[in-house]
């Protein structure tokens, strides 16, 4: 079986991008994802619980995220919560989408739509 091409899934929806970005580097449970997205966007993006869990199911089906096994979680953590993390493929998709977005911003800078970044 050949490796999947991360660019097949691009462009990502804003919702998907925010969820993957929230999981970059740190596994989180659903409420943690909601809080991370809200904090990172200064409250401009507020995820509804139902929307989040439908997206989580889809992202798991697409093998972009996975549940962190209980054996890899701290013993003091609530066992009823499921923590999610990016898969290697999910990391590659997030990186590919971030590069695509950076390219678009670069074009806007070239056209003086946005100021150049230092």
PDB file of N, CA and C in Angstrom:
ATOM      1  N   UNK A   1       0.830  -1.178   0.000  1.00  0.00           N
ATOM      2  CA  UNK A   1       0.000   0.000   0.000  1.00  0.00           C
ATOM      3  C   UNK A   1       0.875   1.241   0.000  1.00  0.00           C
ATOM      4  N   UNK A   2       0.624   2.166  -0.921  1.00  0.00           N
ATOM      5  CA  UNK A   2       1.442   3.372  -1.018  1.00  0.00           C
ATOM      6  C   UNK A   2       0.939   4.428  -0.037  1.00  0.00           C
ATOM      7  N   UNK A   3       1.845   5.318   0.338  1.00  0.00           N
ATOM      8  CA  UNK A   3       1.496   6.389   1.271  1.00  0.00           C
ATOM      9  C   UNK A   3       0.509   7.344   0.621  1.00  0.00           C
ATOM     10  N   UNK A   4      -0.424   7.823   1.418  1.00  0.00           N
ATOM     11  CA  UNK A   4      -1.406   8.775   0.915  1.00  0.00           C
ATOM     12  C   UNK A   4      -0.769  10.142   0.735  1.00  0.00           C
ATOM     13  N   UNK A   5      -1.237  10.851  -0.261  1.00  0.00           N
ATOM     14  CA  UNK A   5      -0.755  12.198  -0.536  1.00  0.00           C
ATOM     15  C   UNK A   5      -1.567  13.185   0.298  1.00  0.00           C
ATOM     16  N   UNK A   6      -0.933  13.917   1.203  1.00  0.00           N
ATOM     17  CA  UNK A   6      -1.669  14.845   2.063  1.00  0.00           C
ATOM     18  C   UNK A   6      -2.402  15.934   1.282  1.00  0.00           C
ATOM     19  N   UNK A   7      -1.901  16.282   0.106  1.00  0.00           N
ATOM     20  CA  UNK A   7      -2.526  17.360  -0.655  1.00  0.00           C
ATOM     21  C   UNK A   7      -3.872  16.957  -1.259  1.00  0.00           C
ATOM     22  N   UNK A   8      -4.190  15.644  -1.239  1.00  0.00           N
ATOM     23  CA  UNK A   8      -5.493  15.185  -1.745  1.00  0.00           C
ATOM     24  C   UNK A   8      -6.645  15.804  -0.964  1.00  0.00           C
ATOM     25  N   UNK A   9      -6.416  16.112   0.301  1.00  0.00           N
ATOM     26  CA  UNK A   9      -7.474  16.609   1.173  1.00  0.00           C
ATOM     27  C   UNK A   9      -7.575  18.133   1.198  1.00  0.00           C
ATOM     28  N   UNK A  10      -6.708  18.813   0.466  1.00  0.00           N
ATOM     29  CA  UNK A  10      -6.693  20.273   0.477  1.00  0.00           C
ATOM     30  C   UNK A  10      -7.656  20.840  -0.559  1.00  0.00           C
ATOM     31  N   UNK A  11      -8.196  22.008  -0.301  1.00  0.00           N
ATOM     32  CA  UNK A  11      -8.062  22.811   0.905  1.00  0.00           C
ATOM     33  C   UNK A  11      -8.925  22.263   2.024  1.00  0.00           C
ATOM     34  N   UNK A  12      -8.465  22.477   3.243  1.00  0.00           N
ATOM     35  CA  UNK A  12      -9.234  22.062   4.411  1.00  0.00           C
ATOM     36  C   UNK A  12     -10.290  23.114   4.721  1.00  0.00           C
ATOM     37  N   UNK A  13     -11.356  22.675   5.362  1.00  0.00           N
ATOM     38  CA  UNK A  13     -12.326  23.644   5.863  1.00  0.00           C
ATOM     39  C   UNK A  13     -11.694  24.382   7.035  1.00  0.00           C
ATOM     40  N   UNK A  14     -12.221  25.538   7.342  1.00  0.00           N
ATOM     41  CA  UNK A  14     -11.728  26.306   8.483  1.00  0.00           C
ATOM     42  C   UNK A  14     -11.864  25.493   9.765  1.00  0.00           C
ATOM     43  N   UNK A  15     -12.983  24.811   9.929  1.00  0.00           N
ATOM     44  CA  UNK A  15     -13.208  23.977  11.108  1.00  0.00           C
ATOM     45  C   UNK A  15     -12.136  22.900  11.239  1.00  0.00           C
ATOM     46  N   UNK A  16     -11.890  22.181  10.164  1.00  0.00           N
ATOM     47  CA  UNK A  16     -10.890  21.118  10.182  1.00  0.00           C
ATOM     48  C   UNK A  16      -9.511  21.678  10.501  1.00  0.00           C
ATOM     49  N   UNK A  17      -9.154  22.786   9.882  1.00  0.00           N
ATOM     50  CA  UNK A  17      -7.846  23.386  10.125  1.00  0.00           C
ATOM     51  C   UNK A  17      -7.688  23.758  11.600  1.00  0.00           C
ATOM     52  N   UNK A  18      -8.703  24.380  12.184  1.00  0.00           N
ATOM     53  CA  UNK A  18      -8.617  24.778  13.592  1.00  0.00           C
ATOM     54  C   UNK A  18      -8.493  23.571  14.515  1.00  0.00           C
ATOM     55  N   UNK A  19      -9.209  22.501  14.219  1.00  0.00           N
ATOM     56  CA  UNK A  19      -9.127  21.305  15.061  1.00  0.00           C
ATOM     57  C   UNK A  19      -7.737  20.681  14.962  1.00  0.00           C
ATOM     58  N   UNK A  20      -7.224  20.528  13.746  1.00  0.00           N
ATOM     59  CA  UNK A  20      -5.887  19.950  13.583  1.00  0.00           C
ATOM     60  C   UNK A  20      -4.830  20.830  14.249  1.00  0.00           C
ATOM     61  N   UNK A  21      -4.966  22.139  14.096  1.00  0.00           N
ATOM     62  CA  UNK A  21      -4.005  23.057  14.701  1.00  0.00           C
ATOM     63  C   UNK A  21      -4.061  22.977  16.226  1.00  0.00           C
ATOM     64  N   UNK A  22      -5.263  22.809  16.776  1.00  0.00           N
ATOM     65  CA  UNK A  22      -5.411  22.682  18.230  1.00  0.00           C
ATOM     66  C   UNK A  22      -4.715  21.424  18.753  1.00  0.00           C
ATOM     67  N   UNK A  23      -4.617  20.407  17.909  1.00  0.00           N
ATOM     68  CA  UNK A  23      -3.991  19.140  18.326  1.00  0.00           C
ATOM     69  C   UNK A  23      -2.500  19.079  18.000  1.00  0.00           C
ATOM     70  N   UNK A  24      -1.975  20.082  17.325  1.00  0.00           N
ATOM     71  CA  UNK A  24      -0.550  20.095  16.962  1.00  0.00           C
ATOM     72  C   UNK A  24       0.300  20.155  18.224  1.00  0.00           C
ATOM     73  N   UNK A  25       1.045  19.098  18.463  1.00  0.00           N
ATOM     74  CA  UNK A  25       1.976  19.057  19.582  1.00  0.00           C
ATOM     75  C   UNK A  25       1.396  18.631  20.917  1.00  0.00           C
ATOM     76  N   UNK A  26       0.063  18.722  21.071  1.00  0.00           N
ATOM     77  CA  UNK A  26      -0.539  18.421  22.368  1.00  0.00           C
ATOM     78  C   UNK A  26      -1.851  17.663  22.196  1.00  0.00           C
ATOM     79  N   UNK A  27      -1.938  16.446  22.707  1.00  0.00           N
ATOM     80  CA  UNK A  27      -3.234  15.762  22.693  1.00  0.00           C
ATOM     81  C   UNK A  27      -4.236  16.534  23.559  1.00  0.00           C
ATOM     82  N   UNK A  28      -5.486  16.512  23.158  1.00  0.00           N
ATOM     83  CA  UNK A  28      -6.532  17.220  23.909  1.00  0.00           C
ATOM     84  C   UNK A  28      -7.828  16.432  23.853  1.00  0.00           C
ATOM     85  N   UNK A  29      -8.665  16.646  24.848  1.00  0.00           N
ATOM     86  CA  UNK A  29     -10.022  16.106  24.815  1.00  0.00           C
ATOM     87  C   UNK A  29     -10.912  17.148  24.139  1.00  0.00           C
ATOM     88  N   UNK A  30     -12.158  16.796  23.902  1.00  0.00           N
ATOM     89  CA  UNK A  30     -13.053  17.667  23.156  1.00  0.00           C
ATOM     90  C   UNK A  30     -13.166  19.065  23.715  1.00  0.00           C
ATOM     91  N   UNK A  31     -13.411  19.175  25.020  1.00  0.00           N
ATOM     92  CA  UNK A  31     -13.536  20.492  25.639  1.00  0.00           C
ATOM     93  C   UNK A  31     -12.225  21.266  25.518  1.00  0.00           C
ATOM     94  N   UNK A  32     -11.094  20.564  25.618  1.00  0.00           N
ATOM     95  CA  UNK A  32      -9.793  21.208  25.458  1.00  0.00           C
ATOM     96  C   UNK A  32      -9.608  21.773  24.054  1.00  0.00           C
ATOM     97  N   UNK A  33     -10.122  21.066  23.058  1.00  0.00           N
ATOM     98  CA  UNK A  33     -10.062  21.562  21.673  1.00  0.00           C
ATOM     99  C   UNK A  33     -10.908  22.828  21.548  1.00  0.00           C
ATOM    100  N   UNK A  34     -12.122  22.781  22.105  1.00  0.00           N
ATOM    101  CA  UNK A  34     -13.018  23.946  22.046  1.00  0.00           C
ATOM    102  C   UNK A  34     -12.354  25.160  22.680  1.00  0.00           C
ATOM    103  N   UNK A  35     -11.763  24.980  23.858  1.00  0.00           N
ATOM    104  CA  UNK A  35     -11.108  26.094  24.564  1.00  0.00           C
ATOM    105  C   UNK A  35      -9.882  26.602  23.814  1.00  0.00           C
ATOM    106  N   UNK A  36      -9.079  25.686  23.272  1.00  0.00           N
ATOM    107  CA  UNK A  36      -7.883  26.085  22.528  1.00  0.00           C
ATOM    108  C   UNK A  36      -8.254  26.931  21.313  1.00  0.00           C
ATOM    109  N   UNK A  37      -9.252  26.496  20.563  1.00  0.00           N
ATOM    110  CA  UNK A  37      -9.672  27.247  19.368  1.00  0.00           C
ATOM    111  C   UNK A  37     -10.217  28.611  19.779  1.00  0.00           C
ATOM    112  N   UNK A  38     -11.032  28.639  20.793  1.00  0.00           N
ATOM    113  CA  UNK A  38     -11.591  29.910  21.260  1.00  0.00           C
ATOM    114  C   UNK A  38     -10.491  30.863  21.726  1.00  0.00           C
ATOM    115  N   UNK A  39      -9.555  30.357  22.522  1.00  0.00           N
ATOM    116  CA  UNK A  39      -8.455  31.194  23.021  1.00  0.00           C
ATOM    117  C   UNK A  39      -7.570  31.699  21.884  1.00  0.00           C
ATOM    118  N   UNK A  40      -7.235  30.801  20.954  1.00  0.00           N
ATOM    119  CA  UNK A  40      -6.333  31.166  19.865  1.00  0.00           C
ATOM    120  C   UNK A  40      -6.949  32.201  18.928  1.00  0.00           C
ATOM    121  N   UNK A  41      -8.285  32.192  18.816  1.00  0.00           N
ATOM    122  CA  UNK A  41      -8.968  33.114  17.903  1.00  0.00           C
ATOM    123  C   UNK A  41      -9.616  34.284  18.639  1.00  0.00           C
ATOM    124  N   UNK A  42      -9.247  34.465  19.909  1.00  0.00           N
ATOM    125  CA  UNK A  42      -9.841  35.523  20.744  1.00  0.00           C
ATOM    126  C   UNK A  42     -11.362  35.472  20.718  1.00  0.00           C
ATOM    127  N   UNK A  43     -11.919  34.266  20.722  1.00  0.00           N
ATOM    128  CA  UNK A  43     -13.355  34.078  20.773  1.00  0.00           C
ATOM    129  C   UNK A  43     -14.081  34.247  19.450  1.00  0.00           C
ATOM    130  N   UNK A  44     -13.328  34.495  18.371  1.00  0.00           N
ATOM    131  CA  UNK A  44     -13.971  34.677  17.053  1.00  0.00           C
ATOM    132  C   UNK A  44     -14.497  33.361  16.494  1.00  0.00           C
ATOM    133  N   UNK A  45     -13.876  32.249  16.872  1.00  0.00           N
ATOM    134  CA  UNK A  45     -14.347  30.939  16.441  1.00  0.00           C
ATOM    135  C   UNK A  45     -14.770  30.182  17.688  1.00  0.00           C
ATOM    136  N   UNK A  46     -16.054  29.906  17.789  1.00  0.00           N
ATOM    137  CA  UNK A  46     -16.621  29.170  18.916  1.00  0.00           C
ATOM    138  C   UNK A  46     -17.200  27.866  18.382  1.00  0.00           C
ATOM    139  N   UNK A  47     -16.587  26.750  18.721  1.00  0.00           N
ATOM    140  CA  UNK A  47     -17.061  25.450  18.252  1.00  0.00           C
ATOM    141  C   UNK A  47     -18.209  24.968  19.109  1.00  0.00           C
ATOM    142  N   UNK A  48     -19.254  24.488  18.470  1.00  0.00           N
ATOM    143  CA  UNK A  48     -20.359  23.850  19.180  1.00  0.00           C
ATOM    144  C   UNK A  48     -19.983  22.386  19.403  1.00  0.00           C
ATOM    145  N   UNK A  49     -20.420  21.837  20.502  1.00  0.00           N
ATOM    146  CA  UNK A  49     -20.064  20.466  20.866  1.00  0.00           C
ATOM    147  C   UNK A  49     -20.459  19.469  19.782  1.00  0.00           C
ATOM    148  N   UNK A  50     -21.687  19.551  19.291  1.00  0.00           N
ATOM    149  CA  UNK A  50     -22.152  18.617  18.265  1.00  0.00           C
ATOM    150  C   UNK A  50     -21.344  18.705  16.993  1.00  0.00           C
ATOM    151  N   UNK A  51     -21.021  19.935  16.591  1.00  0.00           N
ATOM    152  CA  UNK A  51     -20.209  20.154  15.390  1.00  0.00           C
ATOM    153  C   UNK A  51     -18.818  19.561  15.569  1.00  0.00           C
ATOM    154  N   UNK A  52     -18.246  19.782  16.752  1.00  0.00           N
ATOM    155  CA  UNK A  52     -16.905  19.261  17.023  1.00  0.00           C
ATOM    156  C   UNK A  52     -16.874  17.739  16.958  1.00  0.00           C
ATOM    157  N   UNK A  53     -17.813  17.080  17.620  1.00  0.00           N
ATOM    158  CA  UNK A  53     -17.758  15.622  17.668  1.00  0.00           C
ATOM    159  C   UNK A  53     -18.088  14.981  16.321  1.00  0.00           C
ATOM    160  N   UNK A  54     -18.907  15.635  15.507  1.00  0.00           N
ATOM    161  CA  UNK A  54     -19.126  15.140  14.143  1.00  0.00           C
ATOM    162  C   UNK A  54     -17.829  15.260  13.344  1.00  0.00           C
ATOM    163  N   UNK A  55     -17.122  16.375  13.523  1.00  0.00           N
ATOM    164  CA  UNK A  55     -15.843  16.572  12.831  1.00  0.00           C
ATOM    165  C   UNK A  55     -14.802  15.570  13.327  1.00  0.00           C
ATOM    166  N   UNK A  56     -14.769  15.324  14.636  1.00  0.00           N
ATOM    167  CA  UNK A  56     -13.820  14.354  15.189  1.00  0.00           C
ATOM    168  C   UNK A  56     -14.049  12.971  14.580  1.00  0.00           C
ATOM    169  N   UNK A  57     -15.299  12.572  14.461  1.00  0.00           N
ATOM    170  CA  UNK A  57     -15.603  11.269  13.849  1.00  0.00           C
ATOM    171  C   UNK A  57     -15.069  11.217  12.421  1.00  0.00           C
ATOM    172  N   UNK A  58     -15.314  12.282  11.657  1.00  0.00           N
ATOM    173  CA  UNK A  58     -14.851  12.327  10.266  1.00  0.00           C
ATOM    174  C   UNK A  58     -13.318  12.311  10.206  1.00  0.00           C
ATOM    175  N   UNK A  59     -12.679  13.073  11.072  1.00  0.00           N
ATOM    176  CA  UNK A  59     -11.211  13.131  11.073  1.00  0.00           C
ATOM    177  C   UNK A  59     -10.597  11.793  11.478  1.00  0.00           C
ATOM    178  N   UNK A  60     -11.259  11.087  12.384  1.00  0.00           N
ATOM    179  CA  UNK A  60     -10.791   9.747  12.741  1.00  0.00           C
ATOM    180  C   UNK A  60     -10.973   8.792  11.568  1.00  0.00           C
ATOM    181  N   UNK A  61     -12.122   8.872  10.898  1.00  0.00           N
ATOM    182  CA  UNK A  61     -12.377   8.017   9.735  1.00  0.00           C
ATOM    183  C   UNK A  61     -11.351   8.271   8.629  1.00  0.00           C
ATOM    184  N   UNK A  62     -10.926   9.536   8.484  1.00  0.00           N
ATOM    185  CA  UNK A  62      -9.923   9.896   7.466  1.00  0.00           C
ATOM    186  C   UNK A  62      -8.505   9.635   7.940  1.00  0.00           C
ATOM    187  N   UNK A  63      -8.351   9.145   9.174  1.00  0.00           N
ATOM    188  CA  UNK A  63      -7.060   8.814   9.781  1.00  0.00           C
ATOM    189  C   UNK A  63      -6.147  10.035   9.952  1.00  0.00           C
ATOM    190  N   UNK A  64      -6.776  11.178  10.234  1.00  0.00           N
ATOM    191  CA  UNK A  64      -6.013  12.394  10.517  1.00  0.00           C
ATOM    192  C   UNK A  64      -5.742  12.532  12.015  1.00  0.00           C
ATOM    193  N   UNK A  65      -6.660  11.989  12.827  1.00  0.00           N
ATOM    194  CA  UNK A  65      -6.475  12.002  14.271  1.00  0.00           C
ATOM    195  C   UNK A  65      -6.798  10.610  14.813  1.00  0.00           C
ATOM    196  N   UNK A  66      -6.361  10.384  16.048  1.00  0.00           N
ATOM    197  CA  UNK A  66      -6.623   9.101  16.703  1.00  0.00           C
ATOM    198  C   UNK A  66      -6.827   9.345  18.191  1.00  0.00           C
ATOM    199  N   UNK A  67      -7.442   8.380  18.841  1.00  0.00           N
ATOM    200  CA  UNK A  67      -7.618   8.436  20.289  1.00  0.00           C
ATOM    201  C   UNK A  67      -6.302   8.024  20.938  1.00  0.00           C
ATOM    202  N   UNK A  68      -5.894   8.771  21.948  1.00  0.00           N
ATOM    203  CA  UNK A  68      -4.701   8.405  22.711  1.00  0.00           C
ATOM    204  C   UNK A  68      -5.075   7.220  23.601  1.00  0.00           C
ATOM    205  N   UNK A  69      -4.359   6.102  23.491  1.00  0.00           N
ATOM    206  CA  UNK A  69      -4.675   4.942  24.339  1.00  0.00           C
ATOM    207  C   UNK A  69      -4.579   5.295  25.821  1.00  0.00           C
ATOM    208  N   UNK A  70      -5.447   4.715  26.605  1.00  0.00           N
ATOM    209  CA  UNK A  70      -5.485   4.971  28.053  1.00  0.00           C
ATOM    210  C   UNK A  70      -4.119   4.712  28.686  1.00  0.00           C
ATOM    211  N   UNK A  71      -3.409   3.712  28.182  1.00  0.00           N
ATOM    212  CA  UNK A  71      -2.096   3.362  28.742  1.00  0.00           C
ATOM    213  C   UNK A  71      -1.064   4.475  28.554  1.00  0.00           C
ATOM    214  N   UNK A  72      -1.313   5.410  27.654  1.00  0.00           N
ATOM    215  CA  UNK A  72      -0.368   6.505  27.399  1.00  0.00           C
ATOM    216  C   UNK A  72      -0.778   7.805  28.085  1.00  0.00           C
ATOM    217  N   UNK A  73      -1.847   7.760  28.851  1.00  0.00           N
ATOM    218  CA  UNK A  73      -2.342   8.955  29.520  1.00  0.00           C
ATOM    219  C   UNK A  73      -1.938   8.942  30.990  1.00  0.00           C
ATOM    220  N   UNK A  74      -1.822  10.124  31.597  1.00  0.00           N
ATOM    221  CA  UNK A  74      -1.480  10.178  33.021  1.00  0.00           C
ATOM    222  C   UNK A  74      -2.554   9.483  33.862  1.00  0.00           C
ATOM    223  N   UNK A  75      -2.154   8.730  34.894  1.00  0.00           N
ATOM    224  CA  UNK A  75      -3.124   7.967  35.689  1.00  0.00           C
ATOM    225  C   UNK A  75      -4.154   8.853  36.397  1.00  0.00           C
ATOM    226  N   UNK A  76      -3.790  10.095  36.714  1.00  0.00           N
ATOM    227  CA  UNK A  76      -4.709  10.981  37.440  1.00  0.00           C
ATOM    228  C   UNK A  76      -5.781  11.595  36.530  1.00  0.00           C
ATOM    229  N   UNK A  77      -5.642  11.408  35.233  1.00  0.00           N
ATOM    230  CA  UNK A  77      -6.597  11.995  34.297  1.00  0.00           C
ATOM    231  C   UNK A  77      -7.919  11.231  34.304  1.00  0.00           C
ATOM    232  N   UNK A  78      -9.003  11.949  34.149  1.00  0.00           N
ATOM    233  CA  UNK A  78     -10.346  11.364  34.133  1.00  0.00           C
ATOM    234  C   UNK A  78     -10.432  10.316  33.025  1.00  0.00           C
ATOM    235  N   UNK A  79     -10.697   9.087  33.389  1.00  0.00           N
ATOM    236  CA  UNK A  79     -10.708   7.983  32.419  1.00  0.00           C
ATOM    237  C   UNK A  79     -11.902   8.031  31.471  1.00  0.00           C
ATOM    238  N   UNK A  80     -12.900   8.849  31.793  1.00  0.00           N
ATOM    239  CA  UNK A  80     -14.080   8.950  30.921  1.00  0.00           C
ATOM    240  C   UNK A  80     -13.810   9.825  29.692  1.00  0.00           C
ATOM    241  N   UNK A  81     -12.808  10.658  29.786  1.00  0.00           N
ATOM    242  CA  UNK A  81     -12.484  11.558  28.671  1.00  0.00           C
ATOM    243  C   UNK A  81     -11.636  10.836  27.641  1.00  0.00           C
ATOM    244  N   UNK A  82     -11.912  11.144  26.396  1.00  0.00           N
ATOM    245  CA  UNK A  82     -11.063  10.651  25.315  1.00  0.00           C
ATOM    246  C   UNK A  82     -10.158  11.794  24.877  1.00  0.00           C
ATOM    247  N   UNK A  83      -8.876  11.515  24.824  1.00  0.00           N
ATOM    248  CA  UNK A  83      -7.927  12.487  24.288  1.00  0.00           C
ATOM    249  C   UNK A  83      -7.618  12.106  22.850  1.00  0.00           C
ATOM    250  N   UNK A  84      -7.454  13.118  22.025  1.00  0.00           N
ATOM    251  CA  UNK A  84      -7.171  12.921  20.611  1.00  0.00           C
ATOM    252  C   UNK A  84      -5.824  13.529  20.288  1.00  0.00           C
ATOM    253  N   UNK A  85      -5.168  12.955  19.284  1.00  0.00           N
ATOM    254  CA  UNK A  85      -3.892  13.486  18.818  1.00  0.00           C
ATOM    255  C   UNK A  85      -3.826  13.322  17.303  1.00  0.00           C
ATOM    256  N   UNK A  86      -2.934  14.087  16.705  1.00  0.00           N
ATOM    257  CA  UNK A  86      -2.708  13.965  15.267  1.00  0.00           C
ATOM    258  C   UNK A  86      -1.994  12.658  14.963  1.00  0.00           C
ATOM    259  N   UNK A  87      -2.348  12.052  13.847  1.00  0.00           N
ATOM    260  CA  UNK A  87      -1.567  10.932  13.327  1.00  0.00           C
ATOM    261  C   UNK A  87      -0.432  11.522  12.491  1.00  0.00           C
ATOM    262  N   UNK A  88       0.477  10.703  12.048  1.00  0.00           N
ATOM    263  CA  UNK A  88       1.548  11.185  11.157  1.00  0.00           C
ATOM    264  C   UNK A  88       0.941  11.782   9.886  1.00  0.00           C
ATOM    265  N   UNK A  89      -0.089  11.115   9.372  1.00  0.00           N
ATOM    266  CA  UNK A  89      -0.758  11.623   8.179  1.00  0.00           C
ATOM    267  C   UNK A  89      -1.447  12.955   8.492  1.00  0.00           C
ATOM    268  N   UNK A  90      -2.067  13.060   9.646  1.00  0.00           N
ATOM    269  CA  UNK A  90      -2.707  14.309  10.051  1.00  0.00           C
ATOM    270  C   UNK A  90      -1.703  15.447  10.156  1.00  0.00           C
ATOM    271  N   UNK A  91      -0.513  15.136  10.676  1.00  0.00           N
ATOM    272  CA  UNK A  91       0.545  16.147  10.761  1.00  0.00           C
ATOM    273  C   UNK A  91       0.954  16.608   9.361  1.00  0.00           C
ATOM    274  N   UNK A  92       1.054  15.655   8.442  1.00  0.00           N
ATOM    275  CA  UNK A  92       1.445  15.990   7.070  1.00  0.00           C
ATOM    276  C   UNK A  92       0.374  16.835   6.382  1.00  0.00           C
ATOM    277  N   UNK A  93      -0.890  16.520   6.620  1.00  0.00           N
ATOM    278  CA  UNK A  93      -1.982  17.303   6.035  1.00  0.00           C
ATOM    279  C   UNK A  93      -1.986  18.711   6.612  1.00  0.00           C
ATOM    280  N   UNK A  94      -1.822  18.832   7.930  1.00  0.00           N
ATOM    281  CA  UNK A  94      -1.770  20.153   8.565  1.00  0.00           C
ATOM    282  C   UNK A  94      -0.610  20.978   8.011  1.00  0.00           C
ATOM    283  N   UNK A  95       0.532  20.362   7.849  1.00  0.00           N
ATOM    284  CA  UNK A  95       1.689  21.066   7.299  1.00  0.00           C
ATOM    285  C   UNK A  95       1.427  21.508   5.857  1.00  0.00           C
ATOM    286  N   UNK A  96       0.867  20.620   5.045  1.00  0.00           N
ATOM    287  CA  UNK A  96       0.583  20.954   3.640  1.00  0.00           C
ATOM    288  C   UNK A  96      -0.409  22.105   3.547  1.00  0.00           C
ATOM    289  N   UNK A  97      -1.437  22.092   4.382  1.00  0.00           N
ATOM    290  CA  UNK A  97      -2.422  23.179   4.360  1.00  0.00           C
ATOM    291  C   UNK A  97      -1.803  24.475   4.852  1.00  0.00           C
ATOM    292  N   UNK A  98      -0.968  24.411   5.871  1.00  0.00           N
ATOM    293  CA  UNK A  98      -0.301  25.610   6.381  1.00  0.00           C
ATOM    294  C   UNK A  98       0.608  26.210   5.314  1.00  0.00           C
ATOM    295  N   UNK A  99       1.304  25.357   4.574  1.00  0.00           N
ATOM    296  CA  UNK A  99       2.148  25.849   3.480  1.00  0.00           C
ATOM    297  C   UNK A  99       1.307  26.497   2.386  1.00  0.00           C
ATOM    298  N   UNK A 100       0.165  25.889   2.080  1.00  0.00           N
ATOM    299  CA  UNK A 100      -0.732  26.455   1.067  1.00  0.00           C
ATOM    300  C   UNK A 100      -1.229  27.831   1.499  1.00  0.00           C
ATOM    301  N   UNK A 101      -1.614  27.944   2.752  1.00  0.00           N
ATOM    302  CA  UNK A 101      -2.104  29.227   3.263  1.00  0.00           C
ATOM    303  C   UNK A 101      -0.989  30.272   3.292  1.00  0.00           C
ATOM    304  N   UNK A 102       0.211  29.864   3.683  1.00  0.00           N
ATOM    305  CA  UNK A 102       1.346  30.791   3.701  1.00  0.00           C
ATOM    306  C   UNK A 102       1.646  31.303   2.302  1.00  0.00           C
ATOM    307  N   UNK A 103       1.506  30.429   1.317  1.00  0.00           N
ATOM    308  CA  UNK A 103       1.713  30.824  -0.076  1.00  0.00           C
ATOM    309  C   UNK A 103       0.695  31.886  -0.495  1.00  0.00           C
ATOM    310  N   UNK A 104      -0.550  31.694  -0.088  1.00  0.00           N
ATOM    311  CA  UNK A 104      -1.590  32.676  -0.401  1.00  0.00           C
ATOM    312  C   UNK A 104      -1.296  34.021   0.267  1.00  0.00           C
ATOM    313  N   UNK A 105      -0.877  33.986   1.522  1.00  0.00           N
ATOM    314  CA  UNK A 105      -0.540  35.226   2.221  1.00  0.00           C
ATOM    315  C   UNK A 105       0.656  35.893   1.538  1.00  0.00           C
ATOM    316  N   UNK A 106       1.619  35.100   1.102  1.00  0.00           N
ATOM    317  CA  UNK A 106       2.775  35.646   0.379  1.00  0.00           C
ATOM    318  C   UNK A 106       2.354  36.375  -0.886  1.00  0.00           C
ATOM    319  N   UNK A 107       1.379  35.827  -1.588  1.00  0.00           N
ATOM    320  CA  UNK A 107       0.863  36.496  -2.792  1.00  0.00           C
ATOM    321  C   UNK A 107       0.197  37.819  -2.435  1.00  0.00           C
ATOM    322  N   UNK A 108      -0.520  37.856  -1.324  1.00  0.00           N
ATOM    323  CA  UNK A 108      -1.169  39.089  -0.885  1.00  0.00           C
ATOM    324  C   UNK A 108      -0.130  40.142  -0.510  1.00  0.00           C
ATOM    325  N   UNK A 109       0.975  39.703   0.089  1.00  0.00           N
ATOM    326  CA  UNK A 109       2.061  40.625   0.431  1.00  0.00           C
ATOM    327  C   UNK A 109       2.691  41.170  -0.847  1.00  0.00           C
ATOM    328  N   UNK A 110       2.947  40.291  -1.819  1.00  0.00           N
ATOM    329  CA  UNK A 110       3.527  40.727  -3.100  1.00  0.00           C
ATOM    330  C   UNK A 110       2.666  41.765  -3.801  1.00  0.00           C
ATOM    331  N   UNK A 111       1.368  41.653  -3.639  1.00  0.00           N
ATOM    332  CA  UNK A 111       0.425  42.581  -4.293  1.00  0.00           C
ATOM    333  C   UNK A 111       0.092  43.768  -3.387  1.00  0.00           C
ATOM    334  N   UNK A 112       0.815  43.902  -2.264  1.00  0.00           N
ATOM    335  CA  UNK A 112       0.621  44.994  -1.310  1.00  0.00           C
ATOM    336  C   UNK A 112      -0.775  45.035  -0.711  1.00  0.00           C
ATOM    337  N   UNK A 113      -1.426  43.886  -0.690  1.00  0.00           N
ATOM    338  CA  UNK A 113      -2.714  43.784   0.002  1.00  0.00           C
ATOM    339  C   UNK A 113      -2.454  43.753   1.507  1.00  0.00           C
ATOM    340  N   UNK A 114      -1.352  43.096   1.891  1.00  0.00           N
ATOM    341  CA  UNK A 114      -0.904  43.036   3.277  1.00  0.00           C
ATOM    342  C   UNK A 114       0.513  43.581   3.359  1.00  0.00           C
ATOM    343  N   UNK A 115       0.884  44.151   4.511  1.00  0.00           N
ATOM    344  CA  UNK A 115       2.258  44.621   4.653  1.00  0.00           C
ATOM    345  C   UNK A 115       3.227  43.444   4.763  1.00  0.00           C
ATOM    346  N   UNK A 116       4.466  43.666   4.354  1.00  0.00           N
ATOM    347  CA  UNK A 116       5.501  42.632   4.468  1.00  0.00           C
ATOM    348  C   UNK A 116       5.784  42.373   5.934  1.00  0.00           C
ATOM    349  N   UNK A 117       6.069  41.111   6.275  1.00  0.00           N
ATOM    350  CA  UNK A 117       6.389  40.730   7.646  1.00  0.00           C
ATOM    351  C   UNK A 117       7.881  40.756   7.834  1.00  0.00           C
ATOM    352  N   UNK A 118       8.298  41.117   8.981  1.00  0.00           N
ATOM    353  CA  UNK A 118       9.743  41.123   9.270  1.00  0.00           C
ATOM    354  C   UNK A 118      10.179  39.801   9.788  1.00  0.00           C
TER     355      UNK A 118
END
